[in-house]
Structure formats: structure tokens, C-alpha cells
Amino acid sequence: MTMGWGRTGAGLLLAAAVMAGTTGCGDDGAGAAQDKPSASAAPKKAAKSVAQQWEEAWGYQVANPCQEKTEAAAEEAGCQNVAWDLVTDVRKIRKAMNADPAGAGFYTEAYVIMDRIDTLAGDMSDARLLEMRDMIRAEGVELNRWITSHPSQ
């Protein structure tokens, strides 16, 4: 008769041990919560502007990546990686713009440029990035121009 109870008995024993562990080793759960340092107690860093984030991420490089004439030469130079970096940095900057309280209306033109970059990048495959490198670069230059001429709202 005990053959069928082997697994079930072990499962019940494990469940009982888990239940005992969740009650807190003699703590009835009614005690005061432990003091934890609050996140607001730590000094916060000043938020960087979108223009500062762009400059750190990409802005200074956008004017001259991937200028090889052929796709083979561009691939050899690693242009697909440069284009990948540009597109992922643009996506990070979009998040920063979305988080900016003055955001939507102020950044409308930048969002249009970013949408074109996303469309050009497509599936982000190396082949797509190499094929569209000149257009992605041109849109990156345009976005750089827009951000540097609109450093803050």
C-alpha cells in the first residue's frame, strides 16, 4: 500500500517545508517591517538633456561613418556595425525624448527623422544595414543637425 504514497509523501513533505519557510522561522508576520534605505535618501544625479545624451552616444561621429563606395568595402570596414550602433542609439534617444516632460510637441520633427531611420534599418540584418547605409547615414546627419540646433526646449 505504501508504494503509491512515496512521491506524494515526498511532495507533501516538501510543501510543508516550503510553507514553514515562508512564515519566517518563528516570525508570525505581525512584526514591524525591516528598515530599508529609501531610494529617495540617496542623492540623485541630474538628468542629462537629450542633446547631451545624443552627443555622448553618437552625435560627434554621425558625419562620416560608412563612406566606402561598394557594399563589399563597407562590409570589410564594418559599416554594418556602425549603422547598427547608430540605429540602436537613435532608439535610446527616442526613449529619452519620450521621458522628457516637454516631449511630444517639441520633438515632433526629430520623431519623423527617427521613424525614417527605423524604416530604413528594417530588420537590422547586416545585409539591410549595408544596403541602406548611405540613407541611414544621411538621416543620422539630419537628426544630428536637428538635435544640435534644438539643444533644449
C-alpha atoms as a PDB file:
ATOM      1  CA  MET A   1       0.000   0.000   0.000  1.00  0.00           C
ATOM      2  CA  THR A   2       2.836   2.451   0.646  1.00  0.00           C
ATOM      3  CA  MET A   3       4.216   2.174  -2.909  1.00  0.00           C
ATOM      4  CA  GLY A   4       1.816   4.786  -4.272  1.00  0.00           C
ATOM      5  CA  TRP A   5       2.492   7.217  -1.427  1.00  0.00           C
ATOM      6  CA  GLY A   6       6.246   7.579  -1.997  1.00  0.00           C
ATOM      7  CA  ARG A   7       6.127  10.518  -4.391  1.00  0.00           C
ATOM      8  CA  THR A   8       3.050  12.042  -2.836  1.00  0.00           C
ATOM      9  CA  GLY A   9       4.540  11.809   0.654  1.00  0.00           C
ATOM     10  CA  ALA A  10       7.759  13.479  -0.521  1.00  0.00           C
ATOM     11  CA  GLY A  11       5.728  16.173  -2.275  1.00  0.00           C
ATOM     12  CA  LEU A  12       3.695  16.821   0.880  1.00  0.00           C
ATOM     13  CA  LEU A  13       6.855  16.966   2.961  1.00  0.00           C
ATOM     14  CA  LEU A  14       8.380  19.460   0.525  1.00  0.00           C
ATOM     15  CA  ALA A  15       5.208  21.568   0.545  1.00  0.00           C
ATOM     16  CA  ALA A  16       5.197  21.578   4.348  1.00  0.00           C
ATOM     17  CA  ALA A  17       8.853  22.677   4.406  1.00  0.00           C
ATOM     18  CA  VAL A  18       8.137  25.480   1.944  1.00  0.00           C
ATOM     19  CA  MET A  19       5.155  26.655   3.983  1.00  0.00           C
ATOM     20  CA  ALA A  20       7.260  26.636   7.151  1.00  0.00           C
ATOM     21  CA  GLY A  21       9.970  28.618   5.374  1.00  0.00           C
ATOM     22  CA  THR A  22       7.537  31.288   4.206  1.00  0.00           C
ATOM     23  CA  THR A  23       6.293  32.014   7.701  1.00  0.00           C
ATOM     24  CA  GLY A  24       9.740  33.282   8.642  1.00  0.00           C
ATOM     25  CA  CYS A  25      11.315  30.928  11.205  1.00  0.00           C
ATOM     26  CA  GLY A  26       9.250  31.843  14.214  1.00  0.00           C
ATOM     27  CA  ASP A  27       8.136  35.223  12.906  1.00  0.00           C
ATOM     28  CA  ASP A  28       4.377  35.448  12.946  1.00  0.00           C
ATOM     29  CA  GLY A  29       4.457  38.098  10.247  1.00  0.00           C
ATOM     30  CA  ALA A  30       2.909  40.704  12.552  1.00  0.00           C
ATOM     31  CA  GLY A  31       6.214  42.373  13.431  1.00  0.00           C
ATOM     32  CA  ALA A  32       7.400  45.657  12.028  1.00  0.00           C
ATOM     33  CA  ALA A  33       8.888  45.755   8.571  1.00  0.00           C
ATOM     34  CA  GLN A  34      12.649  45.899   8.413  1.00  0.00           C
ATOM     35  CA  ASP A  35      14.144  49.301   7.833  1.00  0.00           C
ATOM     36  CA  LYS A  36      15.483  49.557   4.314  1.00  0.00           C
ATOM     37  CA  PRO A  37      17.322  52.541   2.963  1.00  0.00           C
ATOM     38  CA  SER A  38      14.947  54.556   0.865  1.00  0.00           C
ATOM     39  CA  ALA A  39      15.761  55.277  -2.732  1.00  0.00           C
ATOM     40  CA  SER A  40      14.975  58.932  -2.154  1.00  0.00           C
ATOM     41  CA  ALA A  41      17.635  59.161   0.555  1.00  0.00           C
ATOM     42  CA  ALA A  42      20.407  58.662  -1.990  1.00  0.00           C
ATOM     43  CA  PRO A  43      21.406  61.783  -3.909  1.00  0.00           C
ATOM     44  CA  LYS A  44      20.100  61.722  -7.460  1.00  0.00           C
ATOM     45  CA  LYS A  45      22.202  62.607 -10.447  1.00  0.00           C
ATOM     46  CA  ALA A  46      20.942  65.473 -12.526  1.00  0.00           C
ATOM     47  CA  ALA A  47      19.210  64.182 -15.627  1.00  0.00           C
ATOM     48  CA  LYS A  48      21.128  64.813 -18.828  1.00  0.00           C
ATOM     49  CA  SER A  49      19.400  66.607 -21.643  1.00  0.00           C
ATOM     50  CA  VAL A  50      18.556  64.755 -24.825  1.00  0.00           C
ATOM     51  CA  ALA A  51      21.237  66.785 -26.621  1.00  0.00           C
ATOM     52  CA  GLN A  52      23.868  65.736 -24.052  1.00  0.00           C
ATOM     53  CA  GLN A  53      22.852  62.082 -24.343  1.00  0.00           C
ATOM     54  CA  TRP A  54      22.976  62.271 -28.146  1.00  0.00           C
ATOM     55  CA  GLU A  55      26.395  63.909 -28.078  1.00  0.00           C
ATOM     56  CA  GLU A  56      27.735  61.192 -25.777  1.00  0.00           C
ATOM     57  CA  ALA A  57      26.136  58.380 -27.755  1.00  0.00           C
ATOM     58  CA  TRP A  58      26.681  59.369 -31.341  1.00  0.00           C
ATOM     59  CA  GLY A  59      26.495  62.993 -32.341  1.00  0.00           C
ATOM     60  CA  TYR A  60      30.166  63.612 -32.938  1.00  0.00           C
ATOM     61  CA  GLN A  61      30.510  60.557 -35.221  1.00  0.00           C
ATOM     62  CA  VAL A  62      27.444  60.836 -37.405  1.00  0.00           C
ATOM     63  CA  ALA A  63      29.027  62.925 -40.150  1.00  0.00           C
ATOM     64  CA  ASN A  64      31.448  60.356 -41.545  1.00  0.00           C
ATOM     65  CA  PRO A  65      30.714  56.651 -40.988  1.00  0.00           C
ATOM     66  CA  CYS A  66      30.466  54.175 -43.838  1.00  0.00           C
ATOM     67  CA  GLN A  67      31.624  56.243 -46.752  1.00  0.00           C
ATOM     68  CA  GLU A  68      33.037  53.314 -48.726  1.00  0.00           C
ATOM     69  CA  LYS A  69      31.820  53.189 -52.319  1.00  0.00           C
ATOM     70  CA  THR A  70      30.956  49.490 -52.546  1.00  0.00           C
ATOM     71  CA  GLU A  71      28.975  47.218 -50.281  1.00  0.00           C
ATOM     72  CA  ALA A  72      31.921  44.817 -50.099  1.00  0.00           C
ATOM     73  CA  ALA A  73      34.280  47.584 -48.971  1.00  0.00           C
ATOM     74  CA  ALA A  74      31.663  48.821 -46.482  1.00  0.00           C
ATOM     75  CA  GLU A  75      31.286  45.321 -45.071  1.00  0.00           C
ATOM     76  CA  GLU A  76      35.046  44.954 -44.819  1.00  0.00           C
ATOM     77  CA  ALA A  77      35.209  48.224 -42.863  1.00  0.00           C
ATOM     78  CA  GLY A  78      32.465  47.045 -40.504  1.00  0.00           C
ATOM     79  CA  CYS A  79      29.897  49.561 -41.701  1.00  0.00           C
ATOM     80  CA  GLN A  80      27.018  47.296 -40.690  1.00  0.00           C
ATOM     81  CA  ASN A  81      28.219  47.611 -37.076  1.00  0.00           C
ATOM     82  CA  VAL A  82      28.396  51.389 -37.330  1.00  0.00           C
ATOM     83  CA  ALA A  83      24.879  51.521 -38.794  1.00  0.00           C
ATOM     84  CA  TRP A  84      23.654  49.126 -36.074  1.00  0.00           C
ATOM     85  CA  ASP A  85      25.132  51.386 -33.390  1.00  0.00           C
ATOM     86  CA  LEU A  86      23.514  54.452 -34.922  1.00  0.00           C
ATOM     87  CA  VAL A  87      20.069  52.841 -35.070  1.00  0.00           C
ATOM     88  CA  THR A  88      20.246  51.484 -31.508  1.00  0.00           C
ATOM     89  CA  ASP A  89      21.467  54.862 -30.224  1.00  0.00           C
ATOM     90  CA  VAL A  90      18.589  56.577 -32.029  1.00  0.00           C
ATOM     91  CA  ARG A  91      16.210  54.222 -30.239  1.00  0.00           C
ATOM     92  CA  LYS A  92      17.779  55.110 -26.877  1.00  0.00           C
ATOM     93  CA  ILE A  93      17.449  58.811 -27.649  1.00  0.00           C
ATOM     94  CA  ARG A  94      13.793  58.273 -28.585  1.00  0.00           C
ATOM     95  CA  LYS A  95      13.241  56.788 -25.106  1.00  0.00           C
ATOM     96  CA  ALA A  96      14.925  59.818 -23.563  1.00  0.00           C
ATOM     97  CA  MET A  97      12.674  62.093 -25.613  1.00  0.00           C
ATOM     98  CA  ASN A  98       9.622  60.097 -24.549  1.00  0.00           C
ATOM     99  CA  ALA A  99      10.660  60.535 -20.907  1.00  0.00           C
ATOM    100  CA  ASP A 100      11.106  64.285 -21.281  1.00  0.00           C
ATOM    101  CA  PRO A 101       8.049  66.064 -19.808  1.00  0.00           C
ATOM    102  CA  ALA A 102       8.118  68.664 -22.591  1.00  0.00           C
ATOM    103  CA  GLY A 103       8.469  65.882 -25.123  1.00  0.00           C
ATOM    104  CA  ALA A 104       5.875  65.162 -27.769  1.00  0.00           C
ATOM    105  CA  GLY A 105       5.274  68.575 -29.315  1.00  0.00           C
ATOM    106  CA  PHE A 106       8.859  69.746 -29.078  1.00  0.00           C
ATOM    107  CA  TYR A 107      10.362  66.596 -30.602  1.00  0.00           C
ATOM    108  CA  THR A 108       7.863  66.059 -33.433  1.00  0.00           C
ATOM    109  CA  GLU A 109      10.383  66.751 -36.208  1.00  0.00           C
ATOM    110  CA  ALA A 110      13.004  64.526 -34.580  1.00  0.00           C
ATOM    111  CA  TYR A 111      10.467  61.700 -34.280  1.00  0.00           C
ATOM    112  CA  VAL A 112       9.806  61.909 -38.034  1.00  0.00           C
ATOM    113  CA  ILE A 113      13.533  61.557 -38.759  1.00  0.00           C
ATOM    114  CA  MET A 114      13.804  58.674 -36.275  1.00  0.00           C
ATOM    115  CA  ASP A 115      10.872  56.907 -37.922  1.00  0.00           C
ATOM    116  CA  ARG A 116      12.644  57.156 -41.284  1.00  0.00           C
ATOM    117  CA  ILE A 117      15.821  55.689 -39.744  1.00  0.00           C
ATOM    118  CA  ASP A 118      13.828  52.791 -38.261  1.00  0.00           C
ATOM    119  CA  THR A 119      12.131  52.147 -41.598  1.00  0.00           C
ATOM    120  CA  LEU A 120      15.448  52.190 -43.446  1.00  0.00           C
ATOM    121  CA  ALA A 121      17.032  49.826 -40.913  1.00  0.00           C
ATOM    122  CA  GLY A 122      14.200  47.350 -41.403  1.00  0.00           C
ATOM    123  CA  ASP A 123      15.017  44.003 -39.795  1.00  0.00           C
ATOM    124  CA  MET A 124      18.504  45.220 -38.764  1.00  0.00           C
ATOM    125  CA  SER A 125      20.195  42.439 -40.722  1.00  0.00           C
ATOM    126  CA  ASP A 126      23.759  43.099 -41.862  1.00  0.00           C
ATOM    127  CA  ALA A 127      22.630  42.947 -45.498  1.00  0.00           C
ATOM    128  CA  ARG A 128      19.888  45.527 -44.911  1.00  0.00           C
ATOM    129  CA  LEU A 129      22.181  47.858 -42.958  1.00  0.00           C
ATOM    130  CA  LEU A 130      24.854  47.659 -45.660  1.00  0.00           C
ATOM    131  CA  GLU A 131      22.348  48.229 -48.443  1.00  0.00           C
ATOM    132  CA  MET A 132      20.798  51.256 -46.736  1.00  0.00           C
ATOM    133  CA  ARG A 133      23.998  52.647 -45.157  1.00  0.00           C
ATOM    134  CA  ASP A 134      24.072  55.863 -47.172  1.00  0.00           C
ATOM    135  CA  MET A 135      20.437  56.666 -46.460  1.00  0.00           C
ATOM    136  CA  ILE A 136      20.728  55.738 -42.773  1.00  0.00           C
ATOM    137  CA  ARG A 137      23.806  57.953 -42.564  1.00  0.00           C
ATOM    138  CA  ALA A 138      22.010  60.834 -44.278  1.00  0.00           C
ATOM    139  CA  GLU A 139      19.101  60.590 -41.851  1.00  0.00           C
ATOM    140  CA  GLY A 140      21.580  60.372 -38.962  1.00  0.00           C
ATOM    141  CA  VAL A 141      23.221  63.571 -40.172  1.00  0.00           C
ATOM    142  CA  GLU A 142      19.786  65.213 -40.378  1.00  0.00           C
ATOM    143  CA  LEU A 143      18.904  64.055 -36.857  1.00  0.00           C
ATOM    144  CA  ASN A 144      22.254  65.328 -35.604  1.00  0.00           C
ATOM    145  CA  ARG A 145      21.562  68.686 -37.240  1.00  0.00           C
ATOM    146  CA  TRP A 146      18.121  68.856 -35.637  1.00  0.00           C
ATOM    147  CA  ILE A 147      19.303  67.892 -32.135  1.00  0.00           C
ATOM    148  CA  THR A 148      22.272  70.277 -32.154  1.00  0.00           C
ATOM    149  CA  SER A 149      20.089  73.163 -33.325  1.00  0.00           C
ATOM    150  CA  HIS A 150      17.454  72.370 -30.651  1.00  0.00           C
ATOM    151  CA  PRO A 151      19.616  71.640 -27.597  1.00  0.00           C
ATOM    152  CA  SER A 152      16.811  72.242 -25.124  1.00  0.00           C
ATOM    153  CA  GLN A 153      13.165  73.050 -25.084  1.00  0.00           C
END
